[in-house]
Amino acid sequence: MWRVFFFLALLVVSGLWCTNKINSTTGSKPATPITDTSFSRAIKNYTNYCGGCHGEKLDAFVNRSWKHGSTRKDLFTAIKKGYAEEGMPDFDITFTDEETYELADYILNGIKNLKR
């Protein structure tokens, strides 16, 4: 009986590990499914913290040369660490990692939609 319990516990732990595993090819967590809550939170955070400098409708990100990269990981780093010498503050303590990934996903999805 203890073997069955041990096996089930091992399956649960490995399943949890796999769902939270860092993607080795991009170095970032896999994209979070966009839910109504995360999307609403990303819009609110973008409007309150980013829109003043980057444009309320994400249009400042379209058709531009990305100095620090345009991947999800690049955006995560830019939001978390900032580029103070270029006027981009860091938001490391402002946003959780989850909120930062939501913002990166919101920006990347918004760019795709604007390009259409």
N, C-alpha and C. Protein backbone atom coordinates (compact mmCIF):
# COMPACT_ATOMS: atom_id res chain seq x y z
N MET A 1 0.82 -1.20 0.00
CA MET A 1 0.00 0.00 0.00
C MET A 1 0.86 1.27 0.00
N TRP A 2 1.94 1.25 0.78
CA TRP A 2 2.79 2.43 0.84
C TRP A 2 3.44 2.71 -0.50
N ARG A 3 3.68 1.65 -1.30
CA ARG A 3 4.28 1.83 -2.62
C ARG A 3 3.33 2.59 -3.55
N VAL A 4 2.04 2.28 -3.46
CA VAL A 4 1.05 2.97 -4.28
C VAL A 4 1.00 4.44 -3.89
N PHE A 5 0.99 4.71 -2.58
CA PHE A 5 0.97 6.08 -2.09
C PHE A 5 2.22 6.82 -2.56
N PHE A 6 3.38 6.18 -2.42
CA PHE A 6 4.64 6.80 -2.84
C PHE A 6 4.63 7.11 -4.33
N PHE A 7 4.14 6.16 -5.14
CA PHE A 7 4.08 6.35 -6.58
C PHE A 7 3.15 7.51 -6.95
N LEU A 8 1.99 7.57 -6.32
CA LEU A 8 1.04 8.67 -6.58
C LEU A 8 1.64 10.01 -6.17
N ALA A 9 2.31 10.04 -5.03
CA ALA A 9 2.93 11.28 -4.58
C ALA A 9 4.02 11.72 -5.56
N LEU A 10 4.78 10.77 -6.05
CA LEU A 10 5.83 11.06 -7.03
C LEU A 10 5.23 11.62 -8.31
N LEU A 11 4.12 11.07 -8.76
CA LEU A 11 3.44 11.57 -9.95
C LEU A 11 2.96 13.01 -9.76
N VAL A 12 2.38 13.28 -8.61
CA VAL A 12 1.87 14.63 -8.33
C VAL A 12 3.02 15.63 -8.30
N VAL A 13 4.08 15.30 -7.61
CA VAL A 13 5.22 16.21 -7.51
C VAL A 13 5.85 16.43 -8.88
N SER A 14 6.04 15.38 -9.65
CA SER A 14 6.64 15.55 -10.97
C SER A 14 5.72 16.35 -11.90
N GLY A 15 4.41 16.15 -11.77
CA GLY A 15 3.46 16.94 -12.57
C GLY A 15 3.53 18.41 -12.21
N LEU A 16 3.61 18.71 -10.92
CA LEU A 16 3.73 20.11 -10.50
C LEU A 16 5.04 20.71 -10.96
N TRP A 17 6.11 19.95 -10.90
CA TRP A 17 7.40 20.44 -11.33
C TRP A 17 7.38 20.75 -12.83
N CYS A 18 6.77 19.87 -13.60
CA CYS A 18 6.73 20.06 -15.06
C CYS A 18 5.90 21.29 -15.44
N THR A 19 4.82 21.55 -14.73
CA THR A 19 3.99 22.70 -15.09
C THR A 19 4.67 24.00 -14.74
N ASN A 20 5.56 23.99 -13.77
CA ASN A 20 6.26 25.22 -13.38
C ASN A 20 7.69 25.27 -13.89
N LYS A 21 8.06 24.32 -14.70
CA LYS A 21 9.43 24.21 -15.20
C LYS A 21 9.79 25.41 -16.08
N ILE A 22 11.01 25.85 -15.96
CA ILE A 22 11.52 26.92 -16.81
C ILE A 22 11.78 26.35 -18.19
N ASN A 23 11.37 27.06 -19.20
CA ASN A 23 11.56 26.62 -20.58
C ASN A 23 13.04 26.79 -20.92
N SER A 24 13.71 25.69 -21.22
CA SER A 24 15.15 25.75 -21.43
C SER A 24 15.54 26.45 -22.73
N THR A 25 14.64 26.54 -23.69
CA THR A 25 15.01 27.18 -24.95
C THR A 25 14.91 28.70 -24.88
N THR A 26 13.99 29.22 -24.08
CA THR A 26 13.86 30.67 -24.01
C THR A 26 14.36 31.24 -22.70
N GLY A 27 14.54 30.38 -21.70
CA GLY A 27 15.00 30.87 -20.40
C GLY A 27 13.90 31.55 -19.61
N SER A 28 12.67 31.42 -20.03
CA SER A 28 11.58 32.03 -19.29
C SER A 28 10.48 31.00 -19.09
N LYS A 29 9.56 31.36 -18.20
CA LYS A 29 8.43 30.47 -17.98
C LYS A 29 7.59 30.40 -19.24
N PRO A 30 6.94 29.27 -19.47
CA PRO A 30 6.04 29.18 -20.63
C PRO A 30 4.95 30.24 -20.52
N ALA A 31 4.43 30.66 -21.64
CA ALA A 31 3.39 31.69 -21.65
C ALA A 31 2.22 31.27 -20.78
N THR A 32 1.76 32.21 -20.00
CA THR A 32 0.62 31.97 -19.13
C THR A 32 -0.66 32.09 -19.96
N PRO A 33 -1.57 31.13 -19.82
CA PRO A 33 -2.83 31.30 -20.54
C PRO A 33 -3.50 32.61 -20.11
N ILE A 34 -3.98 33.35 -21.07
CA ILE A 34 -4.59 34.64 -20.75
C ILE A 34 -6.02 34.39 -20.28
N THR A 35 -6.28 34.78 -19.05
CA THR A 35 -7.62 34.67 -18.49
C THR A 35 -8.19 36.07 -18.39
N ASP A 36 -9.48 36.15 -18.12
CA ASP A 36 -10.10 37.47 -17.96
C ASP A 36 -9.43 38.25 -16.84
N THR A 37 -9.10 37.56 -15.74
CA THR A 37 -8.49 38.23 -14.60
C THR A 37 -7.09 38.73 -14.93
N SER A 38 -6.27 37.87 -15.53
CA SER A 38 -4.91 38.30 -15.84
C SER A 38 -4.90 39.38 -16.92
N PHE A 39 -5.79 39.27 -17.89
CA PHE A 39 -5.88 40.27 -18.95
C PHE A 39 -6.31 41.62 -18.37
N SER A 40 -7.31 41.59 -17.50
CA SER A 40 -7.78 42.84 -16.86
C SER A 40 -6.68 43.46 -16.01
N ARG A 41 -5.96 42.62 -15.29
CA ARG A 41 -4.88 43.12 -14.44
C ARG A 41 -3.75 43.70 -15.30
N ALA A 42 -3.43 43.03 -16.41
CA ALA A 42 -2.38 43.53 -17.30
C ALA A 42 -2.78 44.88 -17.90
N ILE A 43 -4.03 45.02 -18.32
CA ILE A 43 -4.51 46.30 -18.87
C ILE A 43 -4.40 47.39 -17.82
N LYS A 44 -4.84 47.09 -16.62
CA LYS A 44 -4.80 48.07 -15.53
C LYS A 44 -3.35 48.48 -15.22
N ASN A 45 -2.47 47.48 -15.11
CA ASN A 45 -1.07 47.79 -14.81
C ASN A 45 -0.41 48.56 -15.95
N TYR A 46 -0.69 48.17 -17.19
CA TYR A 46 -0.12 48.88 -18.33
C TYR A 46 -0.61 50.33 -18.33
N THR A 47 -1.91 50.53 -18.15
CA THR A 47 -2.48 51.88 -18.16
C THR A 47 -1.88 52.74 -17.05
N ASN A 48 -1.77 52.17 -15.85
CA ASN A 48 -1.30 52.93 -14.69
C ASN A 48 0.21 53.18 -14.68
N TYR A 49 0.99 52.24 -15.20
CA TYR A 49 2.43 52.34 -15.06
C TYR A 49 3.20 52.54 -16.37
N CYS A 50 2.64 52.12 -17.49
CA CYS A 50 3.41 52.10 -18.74
C CYS A 50 2.88 53.06 -19.80
N GLY A 51 1.56 53.21 -19.86
CA GLY A 51 0.92 53.96 -20.94
C GLY A 51 1.35 55.40 -21.06
N GLY A 52 1.71 56.03 -19.96
CA GLY A 52 2.13 57.43 -20.01
C GLY A 52 3.36 57.65 -20.88
N CYS A 53 4.27 56.69 -20.87
CA CYS A 53 5.50 56.81 -21.67
C CYS A 53 5.42 56.03 -22.98
N HIS A 54 4.75 54.90 -22.96
CA HIS A 54 4.76 54.01 -24.12
C HIS A 54 3.51 54.08 -24.99
N GLY A 55 2.58 54.94 -24.64
CA GLY A 55 1.35 55.07 -25.42
C GLY A 55 0.25 54.19 -24.86
N GLU A 56 -0.91 54.76 -24.75
CA GLU A 56 -2.03 54.04 -24.15
C GLU A 56 -2.50 52.84 -24.96
N LYS A 57 -2.26 52.86 -26.27
CA LYS A 57 -2.78 51.80 -27.13
C LYS A 57 -1.68 50.91 -27.70
N LEU A 58 -0.52 50.90 -27.06
CA LEU A 58 0.60 50.05 -27.47
C LEU A 58 1.20 50.42 -28.82
N ASP A 59 0.74 51.50 -29.43
CA ASP A 59 1.22 51.83 -30.76
C ASP A 59 2.69 52.26 -30.79
N ALA A 60 3.24 52.64 -29.63
CA ALA A 60 4.65 53.01 -29.59
C ALA A 60 5.56 51.80 -29.78
N PHE A 61 5.02 50.60 -29.60
CA PHE A 61 5.83 49.39 -29.74
C PHE A 61 5.84 48.83 -31.16
N VAL A 62 4.92 49.27 -31.99
CA VAL A 62 4.79 48.72 -33.34
C VAL A 62 5.78 49.40 -34.27
N ASN A 63 6.32 48.64 -35.21
CA ASN A 63 7.24 49.16 -36.23
C ASN A 63 8.40 49.95 -35.62
N ARG A 64 9.03 49.36 -34.64
CA ARG A 64 10.17 50.02 -34.03
C ARG A 64 11.33 49.05 -33.93
N SER A 65 12.50 49.61 -33.80
CA SER A 65 13.69 48.80 -33.59
C SER A 65 13.81 48.57 -32.08
N TRP A 66 13.88 47.32 -31.68
CA TRP A 66 13.93 46.97 -30.27
C TRP A 66 15.39 46.91 -29.83
N LYS A 67 15.80 47.86 -29.06
CA LYS A 67 17.18 47.99 -28.63
C LYS A 67 17.62 46.84 -27.71
N HIS A 68 16.72 46.37 -26.87
CA HIS A 68 17.07 45.35 -25.88
C HIS A 68 16.39 44.02 -26.14
N GLY A 69 15.85 43.82 -27.33
CA GLY A 69 15.20 42.57 -27.68
C GLY A 69 13.69 42.65 -27.56
N SER A 70 13.00 41.78 -28.28
CA SER A 70 11.53 41.84 -28.33
C SER A 70 10.87 40.51 -27.96
N THR A 71 11.59 39.65 -27.26
CA THR A 71 11.00 38.39 -26.84
C THR A 71 10.31 38.58 -25.49
N ARG A 72 9.57 37.59 -25.11
CA ARG A 72 8.90 37.63 -23.81
C ARG A 72 9.92 37.78 -22.69
N LYS A 73 11.02 37.04 -22.80
CA LYS A 73 12.08 37.12 -21.79
C LYS A 73 12.70 38.52 -21.76
N ASP A 74 12.92 39.10 -22.94
CA ASP A 74 13.50 40.46 -23.02
C ASP A 74 12.58 41.48 -22.35
N LEU A 75 11.28 41.38 -22.62
CA LEU A 75 10.33 42.31 -22.01
C LEU A 75 10.27 42.12 -20.50
N PHE A 76 10.28 40.86 -20.07
CA PHE A 76 10.28 40.57 -18.63
C PHE A 76 11.47 41.26 -17.97
N THR A 77 12.65 41.10 -18.55
CA THR A 77 13.86 41.70 -17.99
C THR A 77 13.76 43.22 -17.99
N ALA A 78 13.28 43.80 -19.07
CA ALA A 78 13.16 45.26 -19.16
C ALA A 78 12.21 45.80 -18.11
N ILE A 79 11.10 45.12 -17.90
CA ILE A 79 10.12 45.57 -16.91
C ILE A 79 10.68 45.40 -15.51
N LYS A 80 11.25 44.26 -15.22
CA LYS A 80 11.78 43.97 -13.88
C LYS A 80 12.99 44.83 -13.53
N LYS A 81 13.97 44.89 -14.43
CA LYS A 81 15.24 45.55 -14.12
C LYS A 81 15.30 47.00 -14.59
N GLY A 82 14.54 47.32 -15.64
CA GLY A 82 14.56 48.67 -16.18
C GLY A 82 15.87 48.99 -16.88
N TYR A 83 15.91 50.18 -17.44
CA TYR A 83 17.12 50.73 -18.07
C TYR A 83 17.18 52.19 -17.65
N ALA A 84 17.63 52.38 -16.41
CA ALA A 84 17.59 53.72 -15.80
C ALA A 84 18.30 54.77 -16.64
N GLU A 85 19.42 54.40 -17.27
CA GLU A 85 20.17 55.37 -18.06
C GLU A 85 19.39 55.83 -19.29
N GLU A 86 18.34 55.08 -19.64
CA GLU A 86 17.51 55.45 -20.79
C GLU A 86 16.11 55.93 -20.37
N GLY A 87 15.92 56.08 -19.06
CA GLY A 87 14.65 56.59 -18.56
C GLY A 87 13.62 55.53 -18.23
N MET A 88 13.98 54.26 -18.37
CA MET A 88 13.05 53.17 -18.06
C MET A 88 13.29 52.72 -16.62
N PRO A 89 12.34 53.01 -15.71
CA PRO A 89 12.54 52.58 -14.32
C PRO A 89 12.35 51.07 -14.18
N ASP A 90 12.86 50.54 -13.07
CA ASP A 90 12.62 49.12 -12.81
C ASP A 90 11.31 48.99 -12.02
N PHE A 91 10.63 47.88 -12.25
CA PHE A 91 9.37 47.60 -11.55
C PHE A 91 9.48 46.30 -10.77
N ASP A 92 10.70 46.01 -10.31
CA ASP A 92 10.98 44.75 -9.63
C ASP A 92 10.09 44.56 -8.40
N ILE A 93 9.95 45.59 -7.59
CA ILE A 93 9.12 45.44 -6.39
C ILE A 93 7.67 45.84 -6.63
N THR A 94 7.40 46.45 -7.76
CA THR A 94 6.03 46.87 -8.08
C THR A 94 5.17 45.69 -8.52
N PHE A 95 5.74 44.84 -9.37
CA PHE A 95 5.00 43.71 -9.93
C PHE A 95 5.60 42.39 -9.50
N THR A 96 4.74 41.41 -9.28
CA THR A 96 5.21 40.05 -9.07
C THR A 96 5.71 39.52 -10.41
N ASP A 97 6.41 38.40 -10.38
CA ASP A 97 6.85 37.78 -11.64
C ASP A 97 5.64 37.47 -12.52
N GLU A 98 4.57 36.97 -11.91
CA GLU A 98 3.37 36.64 -12.68
C GLU A 98 2.80 37.88 -13.37
N GLU A 99 2.72 38.99 -12.64
CA GLU A 99 2.20 40.23 -13.23
C GLU A 99 3.12 40.75 -14.33
N THR A 100 4.43 40.56 -14.15
CA THR A 100 5.38 41.00 -15.17
C THR A 100 5.23 40.18 -16.44
N TYR A 101 5.07 38.85 -16.30
CA TYR A 101 4.82 38.01 -17.47
C TYR A 101 3.49 38.38 -18.13
N GLU A 102 2.47 38.70 -17.34
CA GLU A 102 1.18 39.12 -17.90
C GLU A 102 1.35 40.40 -18.73
N LEU A 103 2.12 41.34 -18.20
CA LEU A 103 2.38 42.58 -18.95
C LEU A 103 3.13 42.30 -20.24
N ALA A 104 4.14 41.45 -20.17
CA ALA A 104 4.90 41.10 -21.38
C ALA A 104 3.98 40.45 -22.41
N ASP A 105 3.13 39.53 -21.95
CA ASP A 105 2.19 38.86 -22.86
C ASP A 105 1.19 39.86 -23.44
N TYR A 106 0.71 40.77 -22.61
CA TYR A 106 -0.24 41.79 -23.07
C TYR A 106 0.39 42.66 -24.16
N ILE A 107 1.63 43.07 -23.95
CA ILE A 107 2.32 43.91 -24.93
C ILE A 107 2.53 43.14 -26.23
N LEU A 108 3.04 41.92 -26.13
CA LEU A 108 3.30 41.12 -27.33
C LEU A 108 2.02 40.81 -28.10
N ASN A 109 0.95 40.47 -27.40
CA ASN A 109 -0.34 40.21 -28.06
C ASN A 109 -0.90 41.48 -28.67
N GLY A 110 -0.74 42.59 -27.97
CA GLY A 110 -1.23 43.87 -28.48
C GLY A 110 -0.51 44.29 -29.75
N ILE A 111 0.79 44.04 -29.81
CA ILE A 111 1.57 44.36 -31.01
C ILE A 111 1.08 43.53 -32.19
N LYS A 112 0.85 42.24 -31.96
CA LYS A 112 0.34 41.37 -33.04
C LYS A 112 -0.99 41.89 -33.56
N ASN A 113 -1.87 42.27 -32.65
CA ASN A 113 -3.18 42.77 -33.05
C ASN A 113 -3.09 44.09 -33.81
N LEU A 114 -2.20 44.99 -33.38
CA LEU A 114 -2.05 46.27 -34.07
C LEU A 114 -1.45 46.12 -35.45
N LYS A 115 -0.56 45.14 -35.61
CA LYS A 115 0.06 44.91 -36.92
C LYS A 115 -0.96 44.39 -37.94
N ARG A 116 -1.98 43.70 -37.44
CA ARG A 116 -3.03 43.21 -38.35
C ARG A 116 -3.81 44.36 -38.89
